[in-house]
Amino acid sequence: MGPVGKIATAVLLALVAVSALVNIMRGHVPHPLAFIVVLVGFALFLIAKLSVVARKKWVSFGSGLMGSGMANLYRVGYWLMVVGVLVTFA
């Protein structure tokens, strides 16, 4: 992706985020079924985090203590949670 594509993507994402924030402040939920995406993302995030809790530490930040597969699951979970919130409220 070139510089123009990157800028266009950032602007589009910013507009969607602003739209979502406005709808959150108003208490308006245009797509409530999209919240399922957030729940799926949270489940993936939780599975990855529990792998660290079960082996090493109760409290940790980031994916540093995870194997590569669990780290990818952690990142996908975060991504799905963010996208799910944006789709739910935008």
N, C-alpha and C. Protein backbone atom coordinates (compact mmCIF):
# COMPACT_ATOMS: atom_id res chain seq x y z
N MET A 1 0.84 -1.17 0.00
CA MET A 1 0.00 0.00 0.00
C MET A 1 0.89 1.24 0.00
N GLY A 2 0.60 2.14 -0.88
CA GLY A 2 1.40 3.36 -0.99
C GLY A 2 1.00 4.39 0.05
N PRO A 3 1.69 5.54 0.04
CA PRO A 3 1.40 6.57 1.05
C PRO A 3 -0.03 7.11 0.95
N VAL A 4 -0.55 7.25 -0.26
CA VAL A 4 -1.91 7.76 -0.41
C VAL A 4 -2.92 6.75 0.16
N GLY A 5 -2.71 5.48 -0.09
CA GLY A 5 -3.58 4.45 0.46
C GLY A 5 -3.54 4.40 1.97
N LYS A 6 -2.35 4.56 2.53
CA LYS A 6 -2.22 4.56 3.99
C LYS A 6 -2.95 5.75 4.61
N ILE A 7 -2.80 6.91 4.00
CA ILE A 7 -3.47 8.11 4.51
C ILE A 7 -4.99 7.95 4.38
N ALA A 8 -5.45 7.45 3.25
CA ALA A 8 -6.89 7.25 3.04
C ALA A 8 -7.45 6.25 4.05
N THR A 9 -6.73 5.20 4.32
CA THR A 9 -7.16 4.21 5.30
C THR A 9 -7.24 4.81 6.69
N ALA A 10 -6.24 5.60 7.07
CA ALA A 10 -6.23 6.25 8.38
C ALA A 10 -7.39 7.22 8.52
N VAL A 11 -7.67 7.99 7.47
CA VAL A 11 -8.78 8.96 7.51
C VAL A 11 -10.11 8.21 7.63
N LEU A 12 -10.28 7.15 6.85
CA LEU A 12 -11.51 6.38 6.92
C LEU A 12 -11.71 5.77 8.30
N LEU A 13 -10.65 5.21 8.86
CA LEU A 13 -10.73 4.63 10.19
C LEU A 13 -11.08 5.69 11.23
N ALA A 14 -10.49 6.87 11.10
CA ALA A 14 -10.78 7.96 12.03
C ALA A 14 -12.25 8.38 11.93
N LEU A 15 -12.78 8.46 10.72
CA LEU A 15 -14.19 8.83 10.55
C LEU A 15 -15.12 7.79 11.16
N VAL A 16 -14.81 6.52 10.96
CA VAL A 16 -15.63 5.45 11.55
C VAL A 16 -15.55 5.50 13.07
N ALA A 17 -14.35 5.74 13.61
CA ALA A 17 -14.18 5.82 15.05
C ALA A 17 -14.96 7.00 15.64
N VAL A 18 -14.93 8.14 14.97
CA VAL A 18 -15.68 9.31 15.44
C VAL A 18 -17.18 9.00 15.41
N SER A 19 -17.64 8.38 14.33
CA SER A 19 -19.04 8.00 14.23
C SER A 19 -19.44 7.07 15.36
N ALA A 20 -18.59 6.09 15.64
CA ALA A 20 -18.87 5.15 16.73
C ALA A 20 -18.91 5.87 18.07
N LEU A 21 -17.97 6.77 18.32
CA LEU A 21 -17.95 7.50 19.59
C LEU A 21 -19.19 8.36 19.76
N VAL A 22 -19.62 9.02 18.69
CA VAL A 22 -20.84 9.83 18.75
C VAL A 22 -22.04 8.95 19.09
N ASN A 23 -22.15 7.80 18.44
CA ASN A 23 -23.27 6.89 18.73
C ASN A 23 -23.20 6.33 20.14
N ILE A 24 -22.00 6.08 20.65
CA ILE A 24 -21.85 5.61 22.03
C ILE A 24 -22.32 6.69 23.00
N MET A 25 -21.93 7.95 22.75
CA MET A 25 -22.35 9.04 23.63
C MET A 25 -23.87 9.24 23.59
N ARG A 26 -24.48 9.03 22.43
CA ARG A 26 -25.94 9.15 22.30
C ARG A 26 -26.67 7.94 22.84
N GLY A 27 -25.99 6.84 23.01
CA GLY A 27 -26.63 5.62 23.45
C GLY A 27 -27.36 4.90 22.32
N HIS A 28 -26.96 5.16 21.10
CA HIS A 28 -27.59 4.57 19.92
C HIS A 28 -26.75 3.39 19.42
N VAL A 29 -27.39 2.24 19.26
CA VAL A 29 -26.68 1.04 18.80
C VAL A 29 -27.29 0.61 17.46
N PRO A 30 -26.67 1.05 16.33
CA PRO A 30 -27.27 0.73 15.03
C PRO A 30 -27.21 -0.74 14.62
N HIS A 31 -26.20 -1.46 15.07
CA HIS A 31 -26.02 -2.87 14.66
C HIS A 31 -25.73 -3.74 15.88
N PRO A 32 -26.74 -4.03 16.71
CA PRO A 32 -26.48 -4.76 17.95
C PRO A 32 -25.96 -6.19 17.74
N LEU A 33 -26.32 -6.83 16.64
CA LEU A 33 -25.84 -8.20 16.42
C LEU A 33 -24.34 -8.25 16.12
N ALA A 34 -23.77 -7.13 15.72
CA ALA A 34 -22.33 -7.10 15.45
C ALA A 34 -21.53 -7.25 16.75
N PHE A 35 -22.19 -7.11 17.89
CA PHE A 35 -21.49 -7.28 19.17
C PHE A 35 -21.00 -8.71 19.34
N ILE A 36 -21.56 -9.63 18.58
CA ILE A 36 -21.09 -11.03 18.60
C ILE A 36 -19.62 -11.10 18.21
N VAL A 37 -19.20 -10.22 17.30
CA VAL A 37 -17.78 -10.16 16.89
C VAL A 37 -16.91 -9.80 18.09
N VAL A 38 -17.40 -8.88 18.92
CA VAL A 38 -16.65 -8.50 20.13
C VAL A 38 -16.53 -9.70 21.05
N LEU A 39 -17.60 -10.44 21.22
CA LEU A 39 -17.58 -11.61 22.10
C LEU A 39 -16.63 -12.69 21.60
N VAL A 40 -16.60 -12.91 20.29
CA VAL A 40 -15.67 -13.89 19.71
C VAL A 40 -14.23 -13.43 19.94
N GLY A 41 -13.97 -12.13 19.71
CA GLY A 41 -12.64 -11.59 19.95
C GLY A 41 -12.22 -11.72 21.39
N PHE A 42 -13.16 -11.46 22.31
CA PHE A 42 -12.84 -11.59 23.73
C PHE A 42 -12.54 -13.03 24.10
N ALA A 43 -13.28 -13.97 23.50
CA ALA A 43 -13.02 -15.39 23.78
C ALA A 43 -11.62 -15.78 23.33
N LEU A 44 -11.20 -15.34 22.14
CA LEU A 44 -9.85 -15.64 21.65
C LEU A 44 -8.79 -15.01 22.55
N PHE A 45 -9.02 -13.75 22.93
CA PHE A 45 -8.11 -13.04 23.83
C PHE A 45 -8.00 -13.79 25.16
N LEU A 46 -9.13 -14.23 25.69
CA LEU A 46 -9.14 -14.92 26.98
C LEU A 46 -8.41 -16.26 26.91
N ILE A 47 -8.60 -17.00 25.85
CA ILE A 47 -7.89 -18.28 25.68
C ILE A 47 -6.38 -18.04 25.68
N ALA A 48 -5.94 -17.03 24.94
CA ALA A 48 -4.50 -16.73 24.88
C ALA A 48 -3.97 -16.30 26.25
N LYS A 49 -4.74 -15.47 26.96
CA LYS A 49 -4.29 -15.00 28.27
C LYS A 49 -4.26 -16.13 29.29
N LEU A 50 -5.24 -17.01 29.22
CA LEU A 50 -5.28 -18.11 30.17
C LEU A 50 -4.11 -19.08 29.97
N SER A 51 -3.57 -19.12 28.77
CA SER A 51 -2.39 -19.97 28.55
C SER A 51 -1.20 -19.45 29.35
N VAL A 52 -1.11 -18.15 29.50
CA VAL A 52 -0.02 -17.56 30.29
C VAL A 52 -0.30 -17.75 31.78
N VAL A 53 -1.55 -17.53 32.17
CA VAL A 53 -1.91 -17.68 33.59
C VAL A 53 -1.69 -19.12 34.04
N ALA A 54 -2.03 -20.06 33.22
CA ALA A 54 -1.88 -21.47 33.59
C ALA A 54 -0.42 -21.88 33.73
N ARG A 55 0.47 -21.24 32.99
CA ARG A 55 1.88 -21.65 33.00
C ARG A 55 2.77 -20.78 33.87
N LYS A 56 2.57 -19.47 33.87
CA LYS A 56 3.61 -18.64 34.45
C LYS A 56 3.12 -17.59 35.43
N LYS A 57 2.40 -16.60 34.96
CA LYS A 57 2.10 -15.43 35.78
C LYS A 57 0.61 -15.14 35.80
N TRP A 58 0.17 -14.62 36.94
CA TRP A 58 -1.22 -14.21 37.05
C TRP A 58 -1.47 -12.91 36.32
N VAL A 59 -0.51 -11.99 36.40
CA VAL A 59 -0.67 -10.68 35.76
C VAL A 59 0.46 -10.48 34.76
N SER A 60 0.09 -10.21 33.52
CA SER A 60 1.08 -9.90 32.51
C SER A 60 0.44 -8.99 31.48
N PHE A 61 1.26 -8.25 30.79
CA PHE A 61 0.78 -7.33 29.77
C PHE A 61 1.45 -7.68 28.45
N GLY A 62 0.66 -7.69 27.38
CA GLY A 62 1.22 -7.99 26.08
C GLY A 62 1.33 -9.48 25.84
N SER A 63 1.95 -9.80 24.71
CA SER A 63 2.04 -11.19 24.29
C SER A 63 3.44 -11.77 24.46
N GLY A 64 4.29 -11.11 25.24
CA GLY A 64 5.68 -11.53 25.38
C GLY A 64 5.88 -12.91 25.97
N LEU A 65 5.00 -13.35 26.86
CA LEU A 65 5.17 -14.66 27.51
C LEU A 65 4.46 -15.79 26.77
N MET A 66 3.84 -15.47 25.64
CA MET A 66 3.08 -16.46 24.89
C MET A 66 3.92 -17.06 23.78
N GLY A 67 3.55 -18.26 23.38
CA GLY A 67 4.15 -18.85 22.19
C GLY A 67 3.62 -18.13 20.96
N SER A 68 4.15 -18.43 19.81
CA SER A 68 3.76 -17.68 18.61
C SER A 68 2.29 -17.90 18.25
N GLY A 69 1.79 -19.11 18.42
CA GLY A 69 0.38 -19.37 18.12
C GLY A 69 -0.56 -18.62 19.04
N MET A 70 -0.26 -18.65 20.33
CA MET A 70 -1.11 -17.93 21.29
C MET A 70 -0.98 -16.43 21.12
N ALA A 71 0.21 -15.95 20.77
CA ALA A 71 0.38 -14.52 20.52
C ALA A 71 -0.46 -14.07 19.34
N ASN A 72 -0.52 -14.90 18.30
CA ASN A 72 -1.37 -14.57 17.15
C ASN A 72 -2.84 -14.59 17.54
N LEU A 73 -3.25 -15.55 18.36
CA LEU A 73 -4.63 -15.61 18.84
C LEU A 73 -4.97 -14.35 19.65
N TYR A 74 -4.04 -13.92 20.47
CA TYR A 74 -4.18 -12.71 21.29
C TYR A 74 -4.38 -11.49 20.40
N ARG A 75 -3.56 -11.35 19.37
CA ARG A 75 -3.67 -10.20 18.46
C ARG A 75 -4.96 -10.22 17.66
N VAL A 76 -5.36 -11.39 17.18
CA VAL A 76 -6.62 -11.51 16.44
C VAL A 76 -7.80 -11.18 17.36
N GLY A 77 -7.73 -11.63 18.60
CA GLY A 77 -8.78 -11.32 19.56
C GLY A 77 -8.92 -9.83 19.78
N TYR A 78 -7.79 -9.14 19.98
CA TYR A 78 -7.83 -7.69 20.15
C TYR A 78 -8.40 -7.03 18.90
N TRP A 79 -7.96 -7.46 17.73
CA TRP A 79 -8.42 -6.88 16.48
C TRP A 79 -9.93 -7.06 16.33
N LEU A 80 -10.43 -8.25 16.62
CA LEU A 80 -11.86 -8.50 16.51
C LEU A 80 -12.67 -7.67 17.51
N MET A 81 -12.14 -7.47 18.71
CA MET A 81 -12.85 -6.63 19.68
C MET A 81 -12.97 -5.20 19.19
N VAL A 82 -11.89 -4.65 18.67
CA VAL A 82 -11.91 -3.27 18.17
C VAL A 82 -12.85 -3.15 16.97
N VAL A 83 -12.71 -4.04 16.01
CA VAL A 83 -13.56 -4.00 14.82
C VAL A 83 -15.03 -4.22 15.21
N GLY A 84 -15.28 -5.11 16.15
CA GLY A 84 -16.65 -5.37 16.59
C GLY A 84 -17.29 -4.15 17.21
N VAL A 85 -16.55 -3.42 18.03
CA VAL A 85 -17.09 -2.19 18.63
C VAL A 85 -17.37 -1.16 17.55
N LEU A 86 -16.44 -1.02 16.62
CA LEU A 86 -16.65 -0.04 15.54
C LEU A 86 -17.87 -0.41 14.70
N VAL A 87 -18.02 -1.68 14.36
CA VAL A 87 -19.15 -2.09 13.53
C VAL A 87 -20.47 -2.01 14.31
N THR A 88 -20.43 -2.31 15.59
CA THR A 88 -21.64 -2.25 16.40
C THR A 88 -22.18 -0.83 16.49
N PHE A 89 -21.30 0.13 16.68
CA PHE A 89 -21.74 1.50 16.95
C PHE A 89 -21.63 2.45 15.76
N ALA A 90 -20.97 2.07 14.68
CA ALA A 90 -20.80 3.01 13.56
C ALA A 90 -21.88 2.83 12.52
